[in-house]
N, C-alpha and C. Protein backbone atom coordinates (compact mmCIF):
# COMPACT_ATOMS: atom_id res chain seq x y z
N UNK A 1 0.06 4.34 5.58
CA UNK A 1 1.31 4.94 5.20
C UNK A 1 1.70 4.36 3.83
N UNK A 2 2.16 5.23 2.97
CA UNK A 2 2.60 4.74 1.69
C UNK A 2 3.24 5.89 0.91
N UNK A 3 3.97 5.46 -0.05
CA UNK A 3 4.54 6.49 -0.99
C UNK A 3 3.49 6.91 -1.95
N UNK A 4 3.60 8.11 -2.51
CA UNK A 4 2.60 8.61 -3.46
C UNK A 4 2.96 8.10 -4.84
N UNK A 5 2.73 6.82 -5.07
CA UNK A 5 2.88 6.19 -6.36
C UNK A 5 1.60 5.39 -6.61
N UNK A 6 0.72 5.86 -7.45
CA UNK A 6 -0.56 5.18 -7.66
C UNK A 6 -0.34 3.73 -8.08
N UNK A 7 -1.18 2.87 -7.60
CA UNK A 7 -1.21 1.45 -7.91
C UNK A 7 0.00 0.67 -7.40
N UNK A 8 0.99 1.32 -6.97
CA UNK A 8 2.23 0.65 -6.53
C UNK A 8 2.31 0.82 -5.00
N UNK A 9 1.75 -0.11 -4.24
CA UNK A 9 1.73 0.06 -2.79
C UNK A 9 3.13 -0.13 -2.18
N UNK A 10 3.30 0.53 -1.04
CA UNK A 10 4.58 0.50 -0.35
C UNK A 10 4.74 -0.77 0.47
N UNK A 11 3.67 -1.31 0.98
CA UNK A 11 3.75 -2.44 1.87
C UNK A 11 4.56 -3.64 1.34
N UNK A 12 4.34 -4.08 0.10
CA UNK A 12 5.13 -5.19 -0.39
C UNK A 12 6.64 -4.92 -0.37
N UNK A 13 6.99 -3.66 -0.66
CA UNK A 13 8.44 -3.32 -0.67
C UNK A 13 8.99 -3.27 0.75
N UNK A 14 8.20 -2.80 1.71
CA UNK A 14 8.66 -2.83 3.11
C UNK A 14 8.80 -4.24 3.60
N UNK A 15 7.85 -5.10 3.25
CA UNK A 15 7.92 -6.52 3.72
C UNK A 15 9.11 -7.23 3.05
N UNK A 16 9.34 -6.94 1.77
CA UNK A 16 10.48 -7.53 1.08
C UNK A 16 11.76 -7.05 1.69
N UNK A 17 11.84 -5.74 2.00
CA UNK A 17 13.06 -5.17 2.64
C UNK A 17 13.32 -5.85 3.98
N UNK A 18 12.27 -6.01 4.78
CA UNK A 18 12.44 -6.67 6.08
C UNK A 18 12.95 -8.07 5.90
N UNK A 19 12.33 -8.85 4.97
CA UNK A 19 12.77 -10.22 4.76
C UNK A 19 14.24 -10.29 4.27
N UNK A 20 14.60 -9.46 3.35
CA UNK A 20 15.96 -9.47 2.85
C UNK A 20 16.98 -9.00 3.90
N UNK A 21 16.60 -7.96 4.68
CA UNK A 21 17.47 -7.48 5.75
C UNK A 21 17.63 -8.56 6.80
N UNK A 22 16.59 -9.34 7.10
CA UNK A 22 16.72 -10.40 8.09
C UNK A 22 17.71 -11.43 7.68
N UNK A 23 17.74 -11.71 6.38
CA UNK A 23 18.71 -12.72 5.87
C UNK A 23 20.08 -12.15 5.66
N UNK A 24 20.21 -10.88 5.31
CA UNK A 24 21.51 -10.36 4.94
C UNK A 24 22.18 -9.38 5.87
N UNK A 25 21.40 -8.56 6.58
CA UNK A 25 21.96 -7.56 7.42
C UNK A 25 21.12 -7.30 8.64
N UNK A 26 21.48 -7.96 9.73
CA UNK A 26 20.63 -7.88 10.93
C UNK A 26 20.53 -6.44 11.45
N UNK A 27 21.58 -5.65 11.26
CA UNK A 27 21.57 -4.23 11.75
C UNK A 27 20.51 -3.44 11.00
N UNK A 28 20.37 -3.61 9.68
CA UNK A 28 19.36 -2.89 8.92
C UNK A 28 17.97 -3.43 9.24
N UNK A 29 17.85 -4.72 9.49
CA UNK A 29 16.55 -5.30 9.87
C UNK A 29 16.11 -4.71 11.20
N UNK A 30 17.00 -4.65 12.19
CA UNK A 30 16.66 -4.06 13.48
C UNK A 30 16.32 -2.59 13.33
N UNK A 31 17.03 -1.89 12.48
CA UNK A 31 16.74 -0.43 12.27
C UNK A 31 15.31 -0.30 11.68
N UNK A 32 15.00 -1.16 10.67
CA UNK A 32 13.71 -1.06 10.04
C UNK A 32 12.56 -1.42 11.00
N UNK A 33 12.77 -2.47 11.74
CA UNK A 33 11.70 -2.90 12.69
C UNK A 33 11.53 -1.97 13.86
N UNK A 34 12.58 -1.22 14.19
CA UNK A 34 12.49 -0.25 15.31
C UNK A 34 12.25 1.18 14.85
N UNK A 35 12.00 1.33 13.54
CA UNK A 35 11.76 2.66 13.00
C UNK A 35 10.45 3.15 13.64
N UNK A 36 10.39 4.44 14.04
CA UNK A 36 9.23 4.94 14.76
C UNK A 36 7.89 4.85 13.93
N UNK A 37 7.98 4.95 12.63
CA UNK A 37 6.74 4.92 11.82
C UNK A 37 6.58 3.58 11.14
N UNK A 38 7.62 3.10 10.56
CA UNK A 38 7.57 1.89 9.66
C UNK A 38 7.55 0.57 10.49
N UNK A 39 8.28 0.55 11.58
CA UNK A 39 8.39 -0.72 12.33
C UNK A 39 7.09 -1.26 12.81
N UNK A 40 6.24 -0.38 13.40
CA UNK A 40 4.93 -0.85 13.87
C UNK A 40 4.05 -1.27 12.71
N UNK A 41 4.14 -0.52 11.63
CA UNK A 41 3.32 -0.86 10.45
C UNK A 41 3.69 -2.24 9.90
N UNK A 42 4.98 -2.48 9.81
CA UNK A 42 5.43 -3.81 9.22
C UNK A 42 5.08 -4.95 10.16
N UNK A 43 5.43 -4.77 11.47
CA UNK A 43 5.13 -5.87 12.41
C UNK A 43 3.65 -6.17 12.58
N UNK A 44 2.81 -5.13 12.53
CA UNK A 44 1.37 -5.36 12.60
C UNK A 44 0.88 -6.12 11.40
N UNK A 45 1.39 -5.80 10.22
CA UNK A 45 0.95 -6.44 9.01
C UNK A 45 1.40 -7.89 9.02
N UNK A 46 2.63 -8.14 9.43
CA UNK A 46 3.15 -9.51 9.43
C UNK A 46 2.45 -10.37 10.45
N UNK A 47 2.22 -9.84 11.64
CA UNK A 47 1.59 -10.62 12.73
C UNK A 47 0.10 -10.84 12.50
N UNK A 48 -0.61 -9.82 12.08
CA UNK A 48 -2.07 -9.86 12.08
C UNK A 48 -2.68 -9.95 10.66
N UNK A 49 -1.90 -9.74 9.64
CA UNK A 49 -2.39 -9.67 8.27
C UNK A 49 -3.57 -8.73 8.21
N UNK A 50 -3.39 -7.57 8.85
CA UNK A 50 -4.44 -6.54 8.91
C UNK A 50 -3.86 -5.17 8.68
N UNK A 51 -4.75 -4.27 8.23
CA UNK A 51 -4.35 -2.88 7.95
C UNK A 51 -5.23 -1.99 8.83
N UNK A 52 -4.64 -0.95 9.45
CA UNK A 52 -5.46 -0.02 10.26
C UNK A 52 -6.49 0.66 9.39
N UNK A 53 -7.63 0.98 9.99
CA UNK A 53 -8.74 1.63 9.25
C UNK A 53 -8.28 2.94 8.58
N UNK A 54 -7.55 3.75 9.32
CA UNK A 54 -7.09 5.03 8.76
C UNK A 54 -6.23 4.81 7.52
N UNK A 55 -5.39 3.82 7.54
CA UNK A 55 -4.53 3.53 6.39
C UNK A 55 -5.39 3.07 5.20
N UNK A 56 -6.37 2.26 5.51
CA UNK A 56 -7.25 1.81 4.39
C UNK A 56 -8.00 3.00 3.77
N UNK A 57 -8.49 3.89 4.60
CA UNK A 57 -9.22 5.03 4.08
C UNK A 57 -8.32 5.95 3.24
N UNK A 58 -7.17 6.26 3.75
CA UNK A 58 -6.23 7.12 3.04
C UNK A 58 -5.75 6.43 1.75
N UNK A 59 -5.49 5.17 1.78
CA UNK A 59 -5.00 4.44 0.62
C UNK A 59 -6.04 4.41 -0.49
N UNK A 60 -7.24 4.07 -0.14
CA UNK A 60 -8.34 3.99 -1.11
C UNK A 60 -8.67 5.33 -1.69
N UNK A 61 -8.70 6.33 -0.81
CA UNK A 61 -9.04 7.70 -1.25
C UNK A 61 -7.98 8.26 -2.20
N UNK A 62 -6.72 8.07 -1.85
CA UNK A 62 -5.63 8.51 -2.73
C UNK A 62 -5.62 7.78 -4.03
N UNK A 63 -5.85 6.48 -3.97
CA UNK A 63 -5.90 5.69 -5.18
C UNK A 63 -6.99 6.21 -6.14
N UNK A 64 -8.20 6.42 -5.61
CA UNK A 64 -9.29 6.85 -6.48
C UNK A 64 -9.11 8.28 -6.98
N UNK A 65 -8.63 9.15 -6.13
CA UNK A 65 -8.38 10.56 -6.59
C UNK A 65 -7.36 10.53 -7.77
N UNK A 66 -6.29 9.81 -7.57
CA UNK A 66 -5.24 9.81 -8.55
C UNK A 66 -5.71 9.15 -9.85
N UNK A 67 -6.31 7.99 -9.75
CA UNK A 67 -6.72 7.25 -10.96
C UNK A 67 -7.90 7.88 -11.68
N UNK A 68 -8.80 8.51 -10.91
CA UNK A 68 -9.87 9.24 -11.61
C UNK A 68 -9.33 10.47 -12.33
N UNK A 69 -8.35 11.15 -11.75
CA UNK A 69 -7.71 12.26 -12.40
C UNK A 69 -7.09 11.78 -13.71
N UNK A 70 -6.36 10.68 -13.63
CA UNK A 70 -5.74 10.13 -14.82
C UNK A 70 -6.74 9.73 -15.88
N UNK A 71 -7.86 9.12 -15.45
CA UNK A 71 -8.90 8.64 -16.35
C UNK A 71 -9.54 9.80 -17.05
N UNK A 72 -9.71 10.91 -16.31
CA UNK A 72 -10.44 12.07 -16.90
C UNK A 72 -9.51 13.00 -17.70
N UNK A 73 -8.36 13.29 -17.13
CA UNK A 73 -7.54 14.33 -17.71
C UNK A 73 -6.29 13.86 -18.45
N UNK A 74 -5.87 12.65 -18.22
CA UNK A 74 -4.58 12.17 -18.82
C UNK A 74 -4.83 11.19 -19.98
N UNK A 75 -5.78 10.29 -19.76
CA UNK A 75 -6.01 9.24 -20.80
C UNK A 75 -6.48 9.88 -22.12
N UNK A 76 -5.86 9.41 -23.15
CA UNK A 76 -6.21 9.93 -24.48
C UNK A 76 -7.23 9.04 -25.23
N UNK A 77 -7.52 7.90 -24.64
CA UNK A 77 -8.49 6.94 -25.28
C UNK A 77 -9.38 6.40 -24.21
N UNK A 78 -10.63 6.11 -24.57
CA UNK A 78 -11.59 5.60 -23.63
C UNK A 78 -11.13 4.28 -23.01
N UNK A 79 -10.42 3.48 -23.77
CA UNK A 79 -9.96 2.19 -23.26
C UNK A 79 -8.94 2.39 -22.11
N UNK A 80 -8.12 3.36 -22.21
CA UNK A 80 -7.16 3.69 -21.17
C UNK A 80 -7.87 4.18 -19.94
N UNK A 81 -8.89 5.03 -20.15
CA UNK A 81 -9.70 5.49 -18.99
C UNK A 81 -10.37 4.31 -18.29
N UNK A 82 -10.91 3.39 -19.08
CA UNK A 82 -11.54 2.21 -18.50
C UNK A 82 -10.53 1.37 -17.74
N UNK A 83 -9.31 1.27 -18.27
CA UNK A 83 -8.28 0.50 -17.59
C UNK A 83 -7.92 1.13 -16.23
N UNK A 84 -7.83 2.47 -16.18
CA UNK A 84 -7.59 3.15 -14.89
C UNK A 84 -8.69 2.81 -13.91
N UNK A 85 -9.91 2.85 -14.33
CA UNK A 85 -11.06 2.57 -13.43
C UNK A 85 -10.99 1.13 -12.99
N UNK A 86 -10.70 0.21 -13.90
CA UNK A 86 -10.61 -1.24 -13.55
C UNK A 86 -9.52 -1.45 -12.55
N UNK A 87 -8.41 -0.84 -12.72
CA UNK A 87 -7.31 -0.96 -11.79
C UNK A 87 -7.68 -0.45 -10.38
N UNK A 88 -8.37 0.69 -10.35
CA UNK A 88 -8.86 1.26 -9.10
C UNK A 88 -9.82 0.28 -8.38
N UNK A 89 -10.73 -0.26 -9.14
CA UNK A 89 -11.69 -1.24 -8.55
C UNK A 89 -10.95 -2.45 -8.00
N UNK A 90 -10.02 -3.02 -8.75
CA UNK A 90 -9.33 -4.23 -8.31
C UNK A 90 -8.44 -3.95 -7.10
N UNK A 91 -7.72 -2.87 -7.12
CA UNK A 91 -6.82 -2.54 -5.95
C UNK A 91 -7.66 -2.24 -4.72
N UNK A 92 -8.81 -1.58 -4.91
CA UNK A 92 -9.69 -1.30 -3.74
C UNK A 92 -10.18 -2.61 -3.18
N UNK A 93 -10.65 -3.50 -3.97
CA UNK A 93 -11.06 -4.82 -3.49
C UNK A 93 -9.94 -5.51 -2.71
N UNK A 94 -8.74 -5.47 -3.29
CA UNK A 94 -7.56 -6.11 -2.65
C UNK A 94 -7.31 -5.50 -1.27
N UNK A 95 -7.35 -4.18 -1.19
CA UNK A 95 -7.07 -3.55 0.11
C UNK A 95 -8.16 -3.87 1.13
N UNK A 96 -9.42 -3.83 0.69
CA UNK A 96 -10.53 -4.06 1.61
C UNK A 96 -10.68 -5.49 2.04
N UNK A 97 -10.03 -6.44 1.33
CA UNK A 97 -10.11 -7.82 1.72
C UNK A 97 -9.26 -8.16 2.97
N UNK A 98 -8.29 -7.28 3.24
CA UNK A 98 -7.50 -7.50 4.47
C UNK A 98 -8.32 -7.09 5.68
N UNK A 99 -8.08 -7.83 6.76
CA UNK A 99 -8.80 -7.47 8.00
C UNK A 99 -8.44 -6.04 8.42
N UNK A 100 -9.35 -5.40 9.18
CA UNK A 100 -9.06 -4.09 9.70
C UNK A 100 -8.43 -4.25 11.09
N UNK A 101 -7.30 -3.64 11.29
CA UNK A 101 -6.58 -3.73 12.55
C UNK A 101 -7.25 -2.80 13.54
N UNK A 102 -7.72 -3.40 14.66
CA UNK A 102 -8.25 -2.57 15.73
C UNK A 102 -7.19 -2.30 16.75
N UNK A 103 -7.22 -1.09 17.26
CA UNK A 103 -6.18 -0.67 18.21
C UNK A 103 -6.45 -1.11 19.55
């Protein structure tokens, strides 16, 4: 699960929101942790430091589709295209380094 913003993953913002809500507003923290889609995602990541296989696949596929599009059709200089590819490689490695959450 994530917002469609290349290179900017949603997970850190969800974890930050949960931490800040825990300190500042228990009602919002409870709402976030009991959210039907986000609550399980956040608690699994916090407890197990793992990402479900489906989320890994969707994240990496979306990342590569978006950044390859940018490298081919948007970048006006080869260095910018190379930067897009380098970012895709680094973020892919980062995502794949997390354990895979088994159900």
